[in-house]
Amino acid sequence: MNKDKPAQLVDLPTTVKGFCYHDDNGEEFVVLNSRLTHEMNQHTYDHEQEHIRRGDLWNMDYKEYDEE
């Protein structure tokens, strides 16, 4: 069972809402854009948590967006 991960707020370009990643030890992290509103960050956090729950970080074939 995955627990919700704490989020780190970082100054990112406003075009980047946030992302999740794992380190070499398998620890999963969520990064949110500190320049965005609390509401936007909550939405982004929920989105990133879903990636973690689905195991997208470990799926080498996963693509967030289709490339054309």
PDB file of N, CA and C in Angstrom:
ATOM      1  N   MET A   1       0.835  -1.186   0.000  1.00  0.00           N
ATOM      2  CA  MET A   1       0.000   0.000   0.000  1.00  0.00           C
ATOM      3  C   MET A   1       0.877   1.245   0.000  1.00  0.00           C
ATOM      4  N   ASN A   2       0.663   2.121  -0.948  1.00  0.00           N
ATOM      5  CA  ASN A   2       1.434   3.365  -1.020  1.00  0.00           C
ATOM      6  C   ASN A   2       0.831   4.405  -0.109  1.00  0.00           C
ATOM      7  N   LYS A   3       1.657   5.062   0.658  1.00  0.00           N
ATOM      8  CA  LYS A   3       1.207   6.191   1.465  1.00  0.00           C
ATOM      9  C   LYS A   3       1.405   7.458   0.659  1.00  0.00           C
ATOM     10  N   ASP A   4       0.576   8.464   0.939  1.00  0.00           N
ATOM     11  CA  ASP A   4       0.769   9.746   0.280  1.00  0.00           C
ATOM     12  C   ASP A   4       2.135  10.296   0.638  1.00  0.00           C
ATOM     13  N   LYS A   5       2.802  10.814  -0.354  1.00  0.00           N
ATOM     14  CA  LYS A   5       4.147  11.343  -0.179  1.00  0.00           C
ATOM     15  C   LYS A   5       4.077  12.822   0.183  1.00  0.00           C
ATOM     16  N   PRO A   6       4.960  13.272   1.076  1.00  0.00           N
ATOM     17  CA  PRO A   6       5.008  14.707   1.333  1.00  0.00           C
ATOM     18  C   PRO A   6       5.489  15.433   0.082  1.00  0.00           C
ATOM     19  N   ALA A   7       5.052  16.665  -0.059  1.00  0.00           N
ATOM     20  CA  ALA A   7       5.432  17.449  -1.235  1.00  0.00           C
ATOM     21  C   ALA A   7       6.476  18.479  -0.856  1.00  0.00           C
ATOM     22  N   GLN A   8       7.349  18.743  -1.804  1.00  0.00           N
ATOM     23  CA  GLN A   8       8.342  19.796  -1.659  1.00  0.00           C
ATOM     24  C   GLN A   8       7.936  20.927  -2.602  1.00  0.00           C
ATOM     25  N   LEU A   9       7.907  22.147  -2.087  1.00  0.00           N
ATOM     26  CA  LEU A   9       7.605  23.313  -2.912  1.00  0.00           C
ATOM     27  C   LEU A   9       8.902  23.894  -3.453  1.00  0.00           C
ATOM     28  N   VAL A  10       8.944  24.103  -4.764  1.00  0.00           N
ATOM     29  CA  VAL A  10      10.143  24.593  -5.445  1.00  0.00           C
ATOM     30  C   VAL A  10       9.710  25.656  -6.447  1.00  0.00           C
ATOM     31  N   ASP A  11      10.513  26.711  -6.592  1.00  0.00           N
ATOM     32  CA  ASP A  11      10.264  27.716  -7.630  1.00  0.00           C
ATOM     33  C   ASP A  11      10.562  27.085  -8.987  1.00  0.00           C
ATOM     34  N   LEU A  12       9.517  26.826  -9.752  1.00  0.00           N
ATOM     35  CA  LEU A  12       9.632  26.254 -11.089  1.00  0.00           C
ATOM     36  C   LEU A  12       9.069  27.248 -12.089  1.00  0.00           C
ATOM     37  N   PRO A  13       9.378  27.089 -13.364  1.00  0.00           N
ATOM     38  CA  PRO A  13       8.713  27.927 -14.371  1.00  0.00           C
ATOM     39  C   PRO A  13       7.200  27.718 -14.242  1.00  0.00           C
ATOM     40  N   THR A  14       6.432  28.750 -14.480  1.00  0.00           N
ATOM     41  CA  THR A  14       4.985  28.638 -14.296  1.00  0.00           C
ATOM     42  C   THR A  14       4.335  27.663 -15.275  1.00  0.00           C
ATOM     43  N   THR A  15       5.054  27.269 -16.305  1.00  0.00           N
ATOM     44  CA  THR A  15       4.533  26.260 -17.234  1.00  0.00           C
ATOM     45  C   THR A  15       4.634  24.849 -16.663  1.00  0.00           C
ATOM     46  N   VAL A  16       5.372  24.677 -15.569  1.00  0.00           N
ATOM     47  CA  VAL A  16       5.537  23.367 -14.927  1.00  0.00           C
ATOM     48  C   VAL A  16       4.740  23.380 -13.633  1.00  0.00           C
ATOM     49  N   LYS A  17       3.704  22.554 -13.562  1.00  0.00           N
ATOM     50  CA  LYS A  17       2.870  22.514 -12.359  1.00  0.00           C
ATOM     51  C   LYS A  17       3.514  21.687 -11.260  1.00  0.00           C
ATOM     52  N   GLY A  18       4.199  20.628 -11.647  1.00  0.00           N
ATOM     53  CA  GLY A  18       4.837  19.752 -10.674  1.00  0.00           C
ATOM     54  C   GLY A  18       5.223  18.445 -11.330  1.00  0.00           C
ATOM     55  N   PHE A  19       5.833  17.579 -10.545  1.00  0.00           N
ATOM     56  CA  PHE A  19       6.229  16.269 -11.055  1.00  0.00           C
ATOM     57  C   PHE A  19       6.531  15.349  -9.887  1.00  0.00           C
ATOM     58  N   CYS A  20       6.642  14.068 -10.187  1.00  0.00           N
ATOM     59  CA  CYS A  20       7.074  13.098  -9.187  1.00  0.00           C
ATOM     60  C   CYS A  20       8.249  12.327  -9.766  1.00  0.00           C
ATOM     61  N   TYR A  21       9.032  11.777  -8.876  1.00  0.00           N
ATOM     62  CA  TYR A  21      10.206  11.011  -9.308  1.00  0.00           C
ATOM     63  C   TYR A  21      10.609  10.070  -8.192  1.00  0.00           C
ATOM     64  N   HIS A  22      11.519   9.174  -8.477  1.00  0.00           N
ATOM     65  CA  HIS A  22      12.098   8.322  -7.443  1.00  0.00           C
ATOM     66  C   HIS A  22      13.608   8.430  -7.508  1.00  0.00           C
ATOM     67  N   ASP A  23      14.236   8.293  -6.341  1.00  0.00           N
ATOM     68  CA  ASP A  23      15.692   8.340  -6.292  1.00  0.00           C
ATOM     69  C   ASP A  23      16.258   6.929  -6.482  1.00  0.00           C
ATOM     70  N   ASP A  24      17.565   6.813  -6.377  1.00  0.00           N
ATOM     71  CA  ASP A  24      18.231   5.523  -6.600  1.00  0.00           C
ATOM     72  C   ASP A  24      17.846   4.465  -5.575  1.00  0.00           C
ATOM     73  N   ASN A  25      17.333   4.897  -4.420  1.00  0.00           N
ATOM     74  CA  ASN A  25      16.913   3.962  -3.379  1.00  0.00           C
ATOM     75  C   ASN A  25      15.445   3.574  -3.508  1.00  0.00           C
ATOM     76  N   GLY A  26      14.750   4.127  -4.504  1.00  0.00           N
ATOM     77  CA  GLY A  26      13.343   3.812  -4.705  1.00  0.00           C
ATOM     78  C   GLY A  26      12.391   4.708  -3.937  1.00  0.00           C
ATOM     79  N   GLU A  27      12.924   5.675  -3.218  1.00  0.00           N
ATOM     80  CA  GLU A  27      12.078   6.624  -2.487  1.00  0.00           C
ATOM     81  C   GLU A  27      11.376   7.541  -3.483  1.00  0.00           C
ATOM     82  N   GLU A  28      10.069   7.682  -3.332  1.00  0.00           N
ATOM     83  CA  GLU A  28       9.275   8.491  -4.257  1.00  0.00           C
ATOM     84  C   GLU A  28       9.042   9.885  -3.681  1.00  0.00           C
ATOM     85  N   PHE A  29       9.059  10.885  -4.561  1.00  0.00           N
ATOM     86  CA  PHE A  29       8.934  12.278  -4.150  1.00  0.00           C
ATOM     87  C   PHE A  29       7.957  13.011  -5.056  1.00  0.00           C
ATOM     88  N   VAL A  30       7.299  14.028  -4.495  1.00  0.00           N
ATOM     89  CA  VAL A  30       6.423  14.916  -5.262  1.00  0.00           C
ATOM     90  C   VAL A  30       6.983  16.326  -5.127  1.00  0.00           C
ATOM     91  N   VAL A  31       7.127  17.007  -6.251  1.00  0.00           N
ATOM     92  CA  VAL A  31       7.589  18.391  -6.280  1.00  0.00           C
ATOM     93  C   VAL A  31       6.466  19.243  -6.862  1.00  0.00           C
ATOM     94  N   LEU A  32       6.130  20.331  -6.169  1.00  0.00           N
ATOM     95  CA  LEU A  32       5.085  21.245  -6.615  1.00  0.00           C
ATOM     96  C   LEU A  32       5.669  22.624  -6.845  1.00  0.00           C
ATOM     97  N   ASN A  33       5.034  23.379  -7.710  1.00  0.00           N
ATOM     98  CA  ASN A  33       5.508  24.718  -8.053  1.00  0.00           C
ATOM     99  C   ASN A  33       5.035  25.721  -7.005  1.00  0.00           C
ATOM    100  N   SER A  34       5.966  26.305  -6.292  1.00  0.00           N
ATOM    101  CA  SER A  34       5.633  27.259  -5.227  1.00  0.00           C
ATOM    102  C   SER A  34       5.040  28.557  -5.772  1.00  0.00           C
ATOM    103  N   ARG A  35       5.132  28.778  -7.054  1.00  0.00           N
ATOM    104  CA  ARG A  35       4.596  30.002  -7.656  1.00  0.00           C
ATOM    105  C   ARG A  35       3.099  29.908  -7.960  1.00  0.00           C
ATOM    106  N   LEU A  36       2.534  28.711  -7.812  1.00  0.00           N
ATOM    107  CA  LEU A  36       1.128  28.506  -8.140  1.00  0.00           C
ATOM    108  C   LEU A  36       0.272  28.549  -6.871  1.00  0.00           C
ATOM    109  N   THR A  37      -1.036  28.636  -7.056  1.00  0.00           N
ATOM    110  CA  THR A  37      -1.954  28.741  -5.918  1.00  0.00           C
ATOM    111  C   THR A  37      -2.044  27.420  -5.156  1.00  0.00           C
ATOM    112  N   HIS A  38      -2.530  27.520  -3.948  1.00  0.00           N
ATOM    113  CA  HIS A  38      -2.747  26.338  -3.124  1.00  0.00           C
ATOM    114  C   HIS A  38      -3.695  25.364  -3.828  1.00  0.00           C
ATOM    115  N   GLU A  39      -4.760  25.902  -4.423  1.00  0.00           N
ATOM    116  CA  GLU A  39      -5.730  25.057  -5.111  1.00  0.00           C
ATOM    117  C   GLU A  39      -5.101  24.325  -6.296  1.00  0.00           C
ATOM    118  N   MET A  40      -4.295  25.024  -7.085  1.00  0.00           N
ATOM    119  CA  MET A  40      -3.627  24.388  -8.220  1.00  0.00           C
ATOM    120  C   MET A  40      -2.644  23.332  -7.724  1.00  0.00           C
ATOM    121  N   ASN A  41      -1.927  23.635  -6.659  1.00  0.00           N
ATOM    122  CA  ASN A  41      -0.979  22.655  -6.120  1.00  0.00           C
ATOM    123  C   ASN A  41      -1.698  21.437  -5.557  1.00  0.00           C
ATOM    124  N   GLN A  42      -2.868  21.611  -4.971  1.00  0.00           N
ATOM    125  CA  GLN A  42      -3.621  20.458  -4.469  1.00  0.00           C
ATOM    126  C   GLN A  42      -4.035  19.558  -5.621  1.00  0.00           C
ATOM    127  N   HIS A  43      -4.513  20.164  -6.699  1.00  0.00           N
ATOM    128  CA  HIS A  43      -4.900  19.395  -7.887  1.00  0.00           C
ATOM    129  C   HIS A  43      -3.685  18.651  -8.459  1.00  0.00           C
ATOM    130  N   THR A  44      -2.561  19.347  -8.561  1.00  0.00           N
ATOM    131  CA  THR A  44      -1.336  18.738  -9.096  1.00  0.00           C
ATOM    132  C   THR A  44      -0.846  17.626  -8.181  1.00  0.00           C
ATOM    133  N   TYR A  45      -0.895  17.854  -6.875  1.00  0.00           N
ATOM    134  CA  TYR A  45      -0.486  16.828  -5.906  1.00  0.00           C
ATOM    135  C   TYR A  45      -1.317  15.556  -6.087  1.00  0.00           C
ATOM    136  N   ASP A  46      -2.634  15.715  -6.188  1.00  0.00           N
ATOM    137  CA  ASP A  46      -3.504  14.553  -6.380  1.00  0.00           C
ATOM    138  C   ASP A  46      -3.150  13.819  -7.675  1.00  0.00           C
ATOM    139  N   HIS A  47      -2.873  14.574  -8.722  1.00  0.00           N
ATOM    140  CA  HIS A  47      -2.481  14.004 -10.016  1.00  0.00           C
ATOM    141  C   HIS A  47      -1.185  13.201  -9.879  1.00  0.00           C
ATOM    142  N   GLU A  48      -0.197  13.775  -9.222  1.00  0.00           N
ATOM    143  CA  GLU A  48       1.099  13.101  -9.059  1.00  0.00           C
ATOM    144  C   GLU A  48       0.979  11.878  -8.159  1.00  0.00           C
ATOM    145  N   GLN A  49       0.142  11.951  -7.126  1.00  0.00           N
ATOM    146  CA  GLN A  49      -0.076  10.790  -6.251  1.00  0.00           C
ATOM    147  C   GLN A  49      -0.673   9.633  -7.048  1.00  0.00           C
ATOM    148  N   GLU A  50      -1.542   9.953  -7.999  1.00  0.00           N
ATOM    149  CA  GLU A  50      -2.131   8.895  -8.828  1.00  0.00           C
ATOM    150  C   GLU A  50      -1.057   8.211  -9.673  1.00  0.00           C
ATOM    151  N   HIS A  51      -0.088   8.979 -10.173  1.00  0.00           N
ATOM    152  CA  HIS A  51       1.033   8.365 -10.897  1.00  0.00           C
ATOM    153  C   HIS A  51       1.780   7.388  -9.991  1.00  0.00           C
ATOM    154  N   ILE A  52       2.019   7.789  -8.757  1.00  0.00           N
ATOM    155  CA  ILE A  52       2.737   6.925  -7.817  1.00  0.00           C
ATOM    156  C   ILE A  52       1.912   5.683  -7.525  1.00  0.00           C
ATOM    157  N   ARG A  53       0.625   5.844  -7.257  1.00  0.00           N
ATOM    158  CA  ARG A  53      -0.240   4.698  -6.949  1.00  0.00           C
ATOM    159  C   ARG A  53      -0.302   3.695  -8.115  1.00  0.00           C
ATOM    160  N   ARG A  54      -0.322   4.215  -9.342  1.00  0.00           N
ATOM    161  CA  ARG A  54      -0.406   3.332 -10.518  1.00  0.00           C
ATOM    162  C   ARG A  54       0.939   2.697 -10.869  1.00  0.00           C
ATOM    163  N   GLY A  55       2.024   3.176 -10.286  1.00  0.00           N
ATOM    164  CA  GLY A  55       3.341   2.630 -10.601  1.00  0.00           C
ATOM    165  C   GLY A  55       3.950   3.208 -11.857  1.00  0.00           C
ATOM    166  N   ASP A  56       3.457   4.369 -12.305  1.00  0.00           N
ATOM    167  CA  ASP A  56       3.980   4.970 -13.529  1.00  0.00           C
ATOM    168  C   ASP A  56       5.475   5.269 -13.462  1.00  0.00           C
ATOM    169  N   LEU A  57       5.987   5.550 -12.276  1.00  0.00           N
ATOM    170  CA  LEU A  57       7.413   5.876 -12.154  1.00  0.00           C
ATOM    171  C   LEU A  57       8.303   4.691 -12.512  1.00  0.00           C
ATOM    172  N   TRP A  58       7.749   3.515 -12.418  1.00  0.00           N
ATOM    173  CA  TRP A  58       8.525   2.301 -12.667  1.00  0.00           C
ATOM    174  C   TRP A  58       8.217   1.690 -14.030  1.00  0.00           C
ATOM    175  N   ASN A  59       7.321   2.305 -14.779  1.00  0.00           N
ATOM    176  CA  ASN A  59       6.919   1.800 -16.095  1.00  0.00           C
ATOM    177  C   ASN A  59       7.701   2.554 -17.165  1.00  0.00           C
ATOM    178  N   MET A  60       8.673   1.894 -17.745  1.00  0.00           N
ATOM    179  CA  MET A  60       9.546   2.545 -18.731  1.00  0.00           C
ATOM    180  C   MET A  60       8.801   2.915 -20.016  1.00  0.00           C
ATOM    181  N   ASP A  61       7.640   2.321 -20.256  1.00  0.00           N
ATOM    182  CA  ASP A  61       6.865   2.617 -21.458  1.00  0.00           C
ATOM    183  C   ASP A  61       5.842   3.729 -21.246  1.00  0.00           C
ATOM    184  N   TYR A  62       5.682   4.197 -19.992  1.00  0.00           N
ATOM    185  CA  TYR A  62       4.670   5.217 -19.699  1.00  0.00           C
ATOM    186  C   TYR A  62       5.054   6.558 -20.313  1.00  0.00           C
ATOM    187  N   LYS A  63       4.056   7.231 -20.918  1.00  0.00           N
ATOM    188  CA  LYS A  63       4.246   8.595 -21.437  1.00  0.00           C
ATOM    189  C   LYS A  63       3.117   9.443 -20.894  1.00  0.00           C
ATOM    190  N   GLU A  64       3.431  10.571 -20.333  1.00  0.00           N
ATOM    191  CA  GLU A  64       2.406  11.506 -19.836  1.00  0.00           C
ATOM    192  C   GLU A  64       1.624  12.090 -20.995  1.00  0.00           C
ATOM    193  N   TYR A  65       2.333  12.458 -22.041  1.00  0.00           N
ATOM    194  CA  TYR A  65       1.716  13.067 -23.207  1.00  0.00           C
ATOM    195  C   TYR A  65       2.179  12.329 -24.452  1.00  0.00           C
ATOM    196  N   ASP A  66       1.277  12.160 -25.392  1.00  0.00           N
ATOM    197  CA  ASP A  66       1.658  11.552 -26.670  1.00  0.00           C
ATOM    198  C   ASP A  66       2.543  12.513 -27.436  1.00  0.00           C
ATOM    199  N   GLU A  67       3.632  12.000 -27.960  1.00  0.00           N
ATOM    200  CA  GLU A  67       4.524  12.823 -28.770  1.00  0.00           C
ATOM    201  C   GLU A  67       4.127  12.669 -30.230  1.00  0.00           C
ATOM    202  N   GLU A  68       4.046  13.769 -30.931  1.00  0.00           N
ATOM    203  CA  GLU A  68       3.673  13.715 -32.344  1.00  0.00           C
ATOM    204  C   GLU A  68       4.834  14.096 -33.207  1.00  0.00           C
TER     205      GLU A  68
END
